[in-house]
Amino acid sequence: MLTVKRWEKPGEAEPPADVQAWLESMLTQHVEAVEAALDAVEEMTETQGHAPSHVDLLYYRSQAHYDTYGRDKGDYAIVNARSREIGAILESEGIEARFRYPEDDEAGFQRLANTR
């Protein structure tokens, strides 16, 4: 933990190259996932001729919850962070973001989970 704090402190040690590469990879994955979701909303807008009034975004309560309902392997906090960023961008564009737990709407969950 102290090593990470040193990396975060300006003027202290830089993270090793492998750590920098991993962080860059994680950022790239995040950006690509957010862009893919926004592209899907844009496609809906083009198909319907208008922006949707709202978009449902999946949100998870815990790692165990994500392990049960999540589509891919991974950390629920990362998935939730993506959902929050997507929601913030949509809200800035006047589209309501509704955060939903997967089990709240089983049919909707299946539609969202099968968008690979």
N, C-alpha and C. Protein backbone atom coordinates (compact mmCIF):
# COMPACT_ATOMS: atom_id res chain seq x y z
N MET A 1 0.82 -1.18 0.00
CA MET A 1 0.00 0.00 0.00
C MET A 1 0.87 1.26 0.00
N LEU A 2 1.94 1.25 0.74
CA LEU A 2 2.82 2.42 0.77
C LEU A 2 3.45 2.68 -0.59
N THR A 3 3.74 1.60 -1.33
CA THR A 3 4.31 1.77 -2.66
C THR A 3 3.35 2.53 -3.56
N VAL A 4 2.08 2.14 -3.54
CA VAL A 4 1.08 2.80 -4.37
C VAL A 4 0.95 4.27 -3.97
N LYS A 5 0.95 4.54 -2.70
CA LYS A 5 0.87 5.94 -2.24
C LYS A 5 2.06 6.75 -2.74
N ARG A 6 3.23 6.14 -2.76
CA ARG A 6 4.41 6.84 -3.29
C ARG A 6 4.24 7.14 -4.78
N TRP A 7 3.67 6.19 -5.52
CA TRP A 7 3.46 6.40 -6.95
C TRP A 7 2.49 7.55 -7.20
N GLU A 8 1.52 7.70 -6.31
CA GLU A 8 0.51 8.74 -6.48
C GLU A 8 1.00 10.12 -6.09
N LYS A 9 2.06 10.18 -5.32
CA LYS A 9 2.58 11.45 -4.81
C LYS A 9 3.47 12.11 -5.87
N PRO A 10 3.16 13.35 -6.25
CA PRO A 10 4.01 14.04 -7.23
C PRO A 10 5.45 14.13 -6.74
N GLY A 11 6.38 13.87 -7.62
CA GLY A 11 7.79 13.97 -7.30
C GLY A 11 8.38 12.72 -6.68
N GLU A 12 7.56 11.74 -6.39
CA GLU A 12 8.04 10.48 -5.82
C GLU A 12 8.31 9.50 -6.97
N ALA A 13 8.53 8.26 -6.62
CA ALA A 13 8.86 7.22 -7.60
C ALA A 13 7.73 7.00 -8.60
N GLU A 14 8.11 6.76 -9.84
CA GLU A 14 7.15 6.41 -10.88
C GLU A 14 6.81 4.93 -10.78
N PRO A 15 5.59 4.55 -11.15
CA PRO A 15 5.27 3.12 -11.18
C PRO A 15 6.16 2.40 -12.20
N PRO A 16 6.46 1.13 -11.95
CA PRO A 16 7.26 0.36 -12.92
C PRO A 16 6.53 0.26 -14.26
N ALA A 17 7.27 -0.03 -15.30
CA ALA A 17 6.72 -0.09 -16.66
C ALA A 17 5.56 -1.08 -16.76
N ASP A 18 5.68 -2.25 -16.11
CA ASP A 18 4.60 -3.24 -16.21
C ASP A 18 3.32 -2.74 -15.54
N VAL A 19 3.45 -1.98 -14.47
CA VAL A 19 2.28 -1.41 -13.80
C VAL A 19 1.67 -0.33 -14.68
N GLN A 20 2.50 0.51 -15.28
CA GLN A 20 1.99 1.54 -16.18
C GLN A 20 1.26 0.91 -17.36
N ALA A 21 1.81 -0.17 -17.91
CA ALA A 21 1.17 -0.86 -19.04
C ALA A 21 -0.18 -1.43 -18.62
N TRP A 22 -0.23 -2.01 -17.43
CA TRP A 22 -1.49 -2.58 -16.93
C TRP A 22 -2.54 -1.49 -16.73
N LEU A 23 -2.14 -0.37 -16.13
CA LEU A 23 -3.07 0.74 -15.92
C LEU A 23 -3.58 1.29 -17.25
N GLU A 24 -2.68 1.41 -18.22
CA GLU A 24 -3.08 1.88 -19.55
C GLU A 24 -4.07 0.92 -20.18
N SER A 25 -3.83 -0.37 -20.04
CA SER A 25 -4.73 -1.39 -20.57
C SER A 25 -6.11 -1.29 -19.92
N MET A 26 -6.14 -1.11 -18.61
CA MET A 26 -7.42 -0.99 -17.90
C MET A 26 -8.18 0.26 -18.34
N LEU A 27 -7.46 1.36 -18.53
CA LEU A 27 -8.10 2.59 -19.00
C LEU A 27 -8.67 2.39 -20.40
N THR A 28 -7.91 1.75 -21.27
CA THR A 28 -8.38 1.48 -22.63
C THR A 28 -9.65 0.64 -22.61
N GLN A 29 -9.67 -0.41 -21.79
CA GLN A 29 -10.87 -1.25 -21.68
C GLN A 29 -12.07 -0.44 -21.19
N HIS A 30 -11.84 0.42 -20.23
CA HIS A 30 -12.91 1.26 -19.69
C HIS A 30 -13.47 2.19 -20.78
N VAL A 31 -12.59 2.88 -21.46
CA VAL A 31 -13.01 3.81 -22.50
C VAL A 31 -13.77 3.07 -23.60
N GLU A 32 -13.27 1.92 -24.02
CA GLU A 32 -13.93 1.15 -25.08
C GLU A 32 -15.32 0.69 -24.64
N ALA A 33 -15.46 0.26 -23.39
CA ALA A 33 -16.76 -0.20 -22.89
C ALA A 33 -17.76 0.96 -22.83
N VAL A 34 -17.31 2.11 -22.35
CA VAL A 34 -18.18 3.28 -22.28
C VAL A 34 -18.58 3.72 -23.68
N GLU A 35 -17.63 3.78 -24.60
CA GLU A 35 -17.93 4.18 -25.98
C GLU A 35 -18.89 3.21 -26.64
N ALA A 36 -18.75 1.92 -26.39
CA ALA A 36 -19.65 0.92 -26.98
C ALA A 36 -21.08 1.15 -26.50
N ALA A 37 -21.25 1.44 -25.23
CA ALA A 37 -22.59 1.69 -24.69
C ALA A 37 -23.18 2.96 -25.30
N LEU A 38 -22.37 4.00 -25.40
CA LEU A 38 -22.85 5.26 -25.98
C LEU A 38 -23.16 5.09 -27.46
N ASP A 39 -22.38 4.28 -28.16
CA ASP A 39 -22.67 3.97 -29.57
C ASP A 39 -24.02 3.27 -29.71
N ALA A 40 -24.33 2.36 -28.77
CA ALA A 40 -25.61 1.65 -28.80
C ALA A 40 -26.77 2.62 -28.62
N VAL A 41 -26.60 3.59 -27.73
CA VAL A 41 -27.65 4.60 -27.53
C VAL A 41 -27.78 5.47 -28.78
N GLU A 42 -26.66 5.81 -29.39
CA GLU A 42 -26.70 6.60 -30.63
C GLU A 42 -27.42 5.83 -31.73
N GLU A 43 -27.18 4.54 -31.82
CA GLU A 43 -27.85 3.70 -32.82
C GLU A 43 -29.36 3.65 -32.55
N MET A 44 -29.74 3.56 -31.28
CA MET A 44 -31.17 3.60 -30.93
C MET A 44 -31.78 4.92 -31.37
N THR A 45 -31.06 6.00 -31.15
CA THR A 45 -31.54 7.33 -31.52
C THR A 45 -31.76 7.41 -33.03
N GLU A 46 -30.80 6.90 -33.80
CA GLU A 46 -30.93 6.93 -35.26
C GLU A 46 -32.08 6.05 -35.73
N THR A 47 -32.25 4.89 -35.13
CA THR A 47 -33.31 3.96 -35.52
C THR A 47 -34.68 4.53 -35.20
N GLN A 48 -34.82 5.11 -34.01
CA GLN A 48 -36.11 5.63 -33.56
C GLN A 48 -36.41 7.04 -34.09
N GLY A 49 -35.38 7.73 -34.54
CA GLY A 49 -35.55 9.10 -35.00
C GLY A 49 -35.51 10.12 -33.87
N HIS A 50 -35.29 9.67 -32.66
CA HIS A 50 -35.18 10.57 -31.50
C HIS A 50 -34.44 9.83 -30.39
N ALA A 51 -33.88 10.61 -29.49
CA ALA A 51 -33.16 10.00 -28.37
C ALA A 51 -34.16 9.34 -27.42
N PRO A 52 -33.75 8.26 -26.78
CA PRO A 52 -34.65 7.64 -25.80
C PRO A 52 -34.84 8.58 -24.61
N SER A 53 -35.99 8.47 -23.96
CA SER A 53 -36.23 9.30 -22.78
C SER A 53 -35.38 8.84 -21.60
N HIS A 54 -35.07 7.54 -21.58
CA HIS A 54 -34.23 7.00 -20.52
C HIS A 54 -33.48 5.77 -21.02
N VAL A 55 -32.43 5.42 -20.30
CA VAL A 55 -31.66 4.21 -20.58
C VAL A 55 -31.46 3.49 -19.25
N ASP A 56 -31.76 2.19 -19.24
CA ASP A 56 -31.52 1.37 -18.06
C ASP A 56 -30.09 0.88 -18.06
N LEU A 57 -29.42 1.04 -16.94
CA LEU A 57 -28.03 0.59 -16.78
C LEU A 57 -27.97 -0.40 -15.62
N LEU A 58 -27.30 -1.52 -15.85
CA LEU A 58 -27.16 -2.52 -14.80
C LEU A 58 -26.21 -2.02 -13.72
N TYR A 59 -26.54 -2.38 -12.49
CA TYR A 59 -25.73 -2.00 -11.33
C TYR A 59 -25.73 -3.18 -10.37
N TYR A 60 -24.61 -3.40 -9.71
CA TYR A 60 -24.45 -4.58 -8.85
C TYR A 60 -24.19 -4.16 -7.41
N ARG A 61 -24.74 -4.94 -6.47
CA ARG A 61 -24.66 -4.65 -5.04
C ARG A 61 -23.32 -5.05 -4.43
N SER A 62 -22.71 -6.11 -4.95
CA SER A 62 -21.49 -6.67 -4.35
C SER A 62 -20.80 -7.56 -5.38
N GLN A 63 -19.61 -8.04 -5.02
CA GLN A 63 -18.91 -8.97 -5.90
C GLN A 63 -19.71 -10.26 -6.06
N ALA A 64 -20.30 -10.74 -4.97
CA ALA A 64 -21.11 -11.97 -5.04
C ALA A 64 -22.31 -11.76 -5.96
N HIS A 65 -22.92 -10.60 -5.89
CA HIS A 65 -24.05 -10.26 -6.76
C HIS A 65 -23.61 -10.27 -8.22
N TYR A 66 -22.47 -9.66 -8.49
CA TYR A 66 -21.95 -9.65 -9.87
C TYR A 66 -21.58 -11.06 -10.33
N ASP A 67 -21.00 -11.86 -9.45
CA ASP A 67 -20.64 -13.23 -9.81
C ASP A 67 -21.87 -14.03 -10.19
N THR A 68 -23.00 -13.73 -9.58
CA THR A 68 -24.26 -14.42 -9.90
C THR A 68 -24.87 -13.92 -11.20
N TYR A 69 -24.91 -12.61 -11.39
CA TYR A 69 -25.64 -12.02 -12.50
C TYR A 69 -24.77 -11.43 -13.61
N GLY A 70 -23.51 -11.20 -13.35
CA GLY A 70 -22.65 -10.54 -14.33
C GLY A 70 -22.44 -11.37 -15.58
N ARG A 71 -22.21 -10.70 -16.67
CA ARG A 71 -22.04 -11.35 -17.96
C ARG A 71 -20.64 -11.90 -18.14
N ASP A 72 -19.65 -11.19 -17.65
CA ASP A 72 -18.24 -11.57 -17.82
C ASP A 72 -17.58 -11.71 -16.46
N LYS A 73 -16.41 -12.32 -16.45
CA LYS A 73 -15.61 -12.34 -15.22
C LYS A 73 -15.11 -10.92 -14.98
N GLY A 74 -14.95 -10.56 -13.73
CA GLY A 74 -14.41 -9.25 -13.45
C GLY A 74 -14.83 -8.73 -12.09
N ASP A 75 -14.47 -7.49 -11.85
CA ASP A 75 -14.72 -6.82 -10.58
C ASP A 75 -15.97 -5.95 -10.71
N TYR A 76 -16.92 -6.17 -9.81
CA TYR A 76 -18.17 -5.42 -9.89
C TYR A 76 -17.95 -3.91 -9.77
N ALA A 77 -16.93 -3.49 -9.02
CA ALA A 77 -16.68 -2.06 -8.84
C ALA A 77 -16.29 -1.41 -10.17
N ILE A 78 -15.57 -2.13 -11.00
CA ILE A 78 -15.19 -1.60 -12.31
C ILE A 78 -16.43 -1.48 -13.19
N VAL A 79 -17.27 -2.50 -13.19
CA VAL A 79 -18.50 -2.48 -13.99
C VAL A 79 -19.41 -1.35 -13.52
N ASN A 80 -19.55 -1.19 -12.21
CA ASN A 80 -20.38 -0.10 -11.69
C ASN A 80 -19.80 1.27 -12.04
N ALA A 81 -18.48 1.40 -12.03
CA ALA A 81 -17.85 2.68 -12.41
C ALA A 81 -18.17 3.01 -13.86
N ARG A 82 -18.15 2.00 -14.71
CA ARG A 82 -18.50 2.23 -16.11
C ARG A 82 -19.95 2.67 -16.23
N SER A 83 -20.84 1.99 -15.51
CA SER A 83 -22.25 2.37 -15.55
C SER A 83 -22.44 3.81 -15.08
N ARG A 84 -21.74 4.19 -14.01
CA ARG A 84 -21.86 5.57 -13.52
C ARG A 84 -21.36 6.58 -14.55
N GLU A 85 -20.25 6.28 -15.22
CA GLU A 85 -19.76 7.22 -16.23
C GLU A 85 -20.72 7.32 -17.40
N ILE A 86 -21.23 6.18 -17.86
CA ILE A 86 -22.21 6.18 -18.94
C ILE A 86 -23.42 7.00 -18.52
N GLY A 87 -23.89 6.78 -17.31
CA GLY A 87 -25.04 7.53 -16.81
C GLY A 87 -24.79 9.02 -16.77
N ALA A 88 -23.62 9.42 -16.31
CA ALA A 88 -23.29 10.85 -16.25
C ALA A 88 -23.26 11.48 -17.64
N ILE A 89 -22.71 10.76 -18.60
CA ILE A 89 -22.65 11.29 -19.97
C ILE A 89 -24.06 11.40 -20.55
N LEU A 90 -24.87 10.35 -20.36
CA LEU A 90 -26.24 10.39 -20.87
C LEU A 90 -27.03 11.53 -20.23
N GLU A 91 -26.89 11.68 -18.91
CA GLU A 91 -27.60 12.77 -18.22
C GLU A 91 -27.18 14.13 -18.77
N SER A 92 -25.89 14.28 -19.09
CA SER A 92 -25.42 15.56 -19.64
C SER A 92 -26.01 15.82 -21.02
N GLU A 93 -26.47 14.76 -21.67
CA GLU A 93 -27.10 14.88 -22.99
C GLU A 93 -28.63 14.92 -22.90
N GLY A 94 -29.15 14.99 -21.67
CA GLY A 94 -30.59 15.08 -21.48
C GLY A 94 -31.32 13.75 -21.48
N ILE A 95 -30.60 12.66 -21.37
CA ILE A 95 -31.21 11.33 -21.34
C ILE A 95 -31.13 10.81 -19.91
N GLU A 96 -32.26 10.44 -19.34
CA GLU A 96 -32.28 9.93 -17.97
C GLU A 96 -31.60 8.57 -17.89
N ALA A 97 -30.72 8.41 -16.94
CA ALA A 97 -30.07 7.11 -16.68
C ALA A 97 -30.75 6.48 -15.47
N ARG A 98 -31.24 5.26 -15.66
CA ARG A 98 -31.89 4.53 -14.57
C ARG A 98 -31.02 3.33 -14.22
N PHE A 99 -30.57 3.29 -13.00
CA PHE A 99 -29.73 2.19 -12.55
C PHE A 99 -30.63 1.08 -12.01
N ARG A 100 -30.43 -0.12 -12.54
CA ARG A 100 -31.28 -1.27 -12.20
C ARG A 100 -30.42 -2.43 -11.74
N TYR A 101 -30.94 -3.16 -10.77
CA TYR A 101 -30.32 -4.42 -10.38
C TYR A 101 -30.85 -5.50 -11.32
N PRO A 102 -30.01 -6.42 -11.74
CA PRO A 102 -30.42 -7.42 -12.73
C PRO A 102 -31.69 -8.19 -12.35
N GLU A 103 -31.84 -8.54 -11.09
CA GLU A 103 -32.98 -9.36 -10.70
C GLU A 103 -34.29 -8.57 -10.64
N ASP A 104 -34.23 -7.24 -10.76
CA ASP A 104 -35.44 -6.43 -10.71
C ASP A 104 -36.29 -6.57 -11.97
N ASP A 105 -35.69 -6.97 -13.07
CA ASP A 105 -36.40 -7.11 -14.35
C ASP A 105 -35.70 -8.22 -15.13
N GLU A 106 -36.15 -9.45 -14.93
CA GLU A 106 -35.47 -10.60 -15.52
C GLU A 106 -35.41 -10.53 -17.05
N ALA A 107 -36.51 -10.14 -17.71
CA ALA A 107 -36.52 -10.06 -19.17
C ALA A 107 -35.57 -8.96 -19.65
N GLY A 108 -35.60 -7.82 -18.99
CA GLY A 108 -34.70 -6.73 -19.35
C GLY A 108 -33.25 -7.11 -19.10
N PHE A 109 -33.02 -7.82 -18.01
CA PHE A 109 -31.66 -8.29 -17.71
C PHE A 109 -31.16 -9.19 -18.83
N GLN A 110 -31.98 -10.10 -19.30
CA GLN A 110 -31.56 -11.01 -20.36
C GLN A 110 -31.23 -10.24 -21.64
N ARG A 111 -32.02 -9.21 -21.96
CA ARG A 111 -31.72 -8.40 -23.15
C ARG A 111 -30.37 -7.71 -23.00
N LEU A 112 -30.13 -7.12 -21.83
CA LEU A 112 -28.87 -6.41 -21.60
C LEU A 112 -27.69 -7.37 -21.52
N ALA A 113 -27.88 -8.51 -20.91
CA ALA A 113 -26.78 -9.46 -20.71
C ALA A 113 -26.38 -10.16 -22.00
N ASN A 114 -27.25 -10.18 -22.97
CA ASN A 114 -26.96 -10.88 -24.22
C ASN A 114 -26.53 -9.94 -25.33
N THR A 115 -25.87 -8.86 -25.00
CA THR A 115 -25.47 -7.86 -26.00
C THR A 115 -24.00 -7.97 -26.36
N ARG A 116 -23.44 -9.14 -26.27
CA ARG A 116 -22.01 -9.31 -26.58
C ARG A 116 -21.75 -9.11 -28.05
